[in-house]
């Protein structure tokens, strides 16, 4: 019984990173929305633009983390603005 519980726990733990992954079409749509907004999006813009497209805070954060890994986010001084690289908006 303990071995079975350990296996189930291991499966759940290894599945956690996969749960944080987002479908590529959702990433593409968010990039498109940001590019259509001039290549950047402030928090106030996001609050208006993203909910009609079904984005949640968790999903958006996961996508931004992925875009950062891909080098598609410009590091900015302000934390309230997300700016994409020029190549991300081509």
Protein backbone atom coordinates (compact mmCIF):
# COMPACT_ATOMS: atom_id res chain seq x y z
CA UNK A 1 0.00 0.00 0.00
CA UNK A 2 2.85 2.43 0.80
CA UNK A 3 4.51 1.67 -2.54
CA UNK A 4 1.27 2.43 -4.38
CA UNK A 5 0.91 5.75 -2.54
CA UNK A 6 4.51 6.63 -3.43
CA UNK A 7 3.89 5.91 -7.11
CA UNK A 8 0.72 8.02 -7.16
CA UNK A 9 2.55 10.86 -5.42
CA UNK A 10 5.43 10.64 -7.90
CA UNK A 11 3.02 10.75 -10.85
CA UNK A 12 1.26 13.80 -9.43
CA UNK A 13 4.51 15.62 -8.75
CA UNK A 14 5.94 14.88 -12.19
CA UNK A 15 2.67 15.98 -13.79
CA UNK A 16 2.82 19.43 -12.17
CA UNK A 17 5.18 21.04 -14.71
CA UNK A 18 3.05 19.73 -17.57
CA UNK A 19 -0.02 21.33 -16.00
CA UNK A 20 1.75 24.70 -16.14
CA UNK A 21 2.31 24.33 -19.89
CA UNK A 22 0.01 26.25 -22.16
CA UNK A 23 -1.15 25.32 -25.63
CA UNK A 24 0.85 26.96 -28.40
CA UNK A 25 -2.28 28.52 -29.91
CA UNK A 26 -2.96 30.33 -26.61
CA UNK A 27 0.62 31.63 -26.62
CA UNK A 28 0.26 32.76 -30.24
CA UNK A 29 -3.01 34.57 -29.51
CA UNK A 30 -1.56 36.41 -26.52
CA UNK A 31 1.47 37.45 -28.57
CA UNK A 32 -0.86 38.67 -31.31
CA UNK A 33 -2.94 40.67 -28.83
CA UNK A 34 0.18 42.29 -27.37
CA UNK A 35 1.60 43.06 -30.82
CA UNK A 36 -1.74 44.57 -31.90
CA UNK A 37 -1.47 46.77 -28.80
CA UNK A 38 1.81 48.28 -30.00
CA UNK A 39 4.07 45.45 -28.83
CA UNK A 40 3.52 46.17 -25.16
CA UNK A 41 0.77 45.79 -22.62
CA UNK A 42 0.27 47.57 -19.33
CA UNK A 43 -1.70 46.01 -16.49
CA UNK A 44 -4.66 48.29 -17.24
CA UNK A 45 -4.63 47.20 -20.91
CA UNK A 46 -4.48 43.55 -19.93
CA UNK A 47 -7.47 43.93 -17.61
CA UNK A 48 -9.56 45.13 -20.57
CA UNK A 49 -8.14 43.08 -23.44
CA UNK A 50 -7.45 39.62 -22.02
CA UNK A 51 -10.66 38.55 -20.20
CA UNK A 52 -12.84 38.57 -23.36
CA UNK A 53 -10.37 36.06 -24.82
CA UNK A 54 -10.68 33.80 -21.77
CA UNK A 55 -7.24 34.42 -20.28
CA UNK A 56 -6.88 33.87 -16.56
CA UNK A 57 -4.11 35.33 -14.42
CA UNK A 58 -2.54 31.88 -14.00
CA UNK A 59 -2.58 31.15 -17.74
CA UNK A 60 -1.18 34.60 -18.58
CA UNK A 61 1.63 34.21 -16.05
CA UNK A 62 2.51 30.79 -17.47
CA UNK A 63 2.61 32.23 -21.00
CA UNK A 64 4.76 35.20 -19.95
CA UNK A 65 7.17 32.81 -18.24
CA UNK A 66 7.39 30.80 -21.47
CA UNK A 67 7.93 33.95 -23.54
CA UNK A 68 10.71 34.99 -21.16
CA UNK A 69 12.38 31.59 -21.61
CA UNK A 70 12.18 32.09 -25.38
CA UNK A 71 13.80 35.52 -25.09
CA UNK A 72 10.73 37.29 -26.48
CA UNK A 73 10.23 39.69 -23.56
CA UNK A 74 12.15 42.95 -23.27
CA UNK A 75 13.42 43.52 -19.72
CA UNK A 76 11.87 46.77 -18.52
CA UNK A 77 12.29 48.95 -15.49
CA UNK A 78 8.57 48.96 -14.74
CA UNK A 79 6.77 45.88 -13.52
CA UNK A 80 3.40 47.10 -14.80
CA UNK A 81 4.34 46.82 -18.49
CA UNK A 82 5.13 43.78 -20.58
CA UNK A 83 7.01 44.55 -23.77
CA UNK A 84 7.76 42.01 -26.47
CA UNK A 85 10.84 42.01 -28.66
CA UNK A 86 10.54 43.23 -32.25
CA UNK A 87 11.11 39.70 -33.50
CA UNK A 88 8.17 38.42 -31.44
CA UNK A 89 5.84 40.83 -33.26
CA UNK A 90 6.93 39.94 -36.81
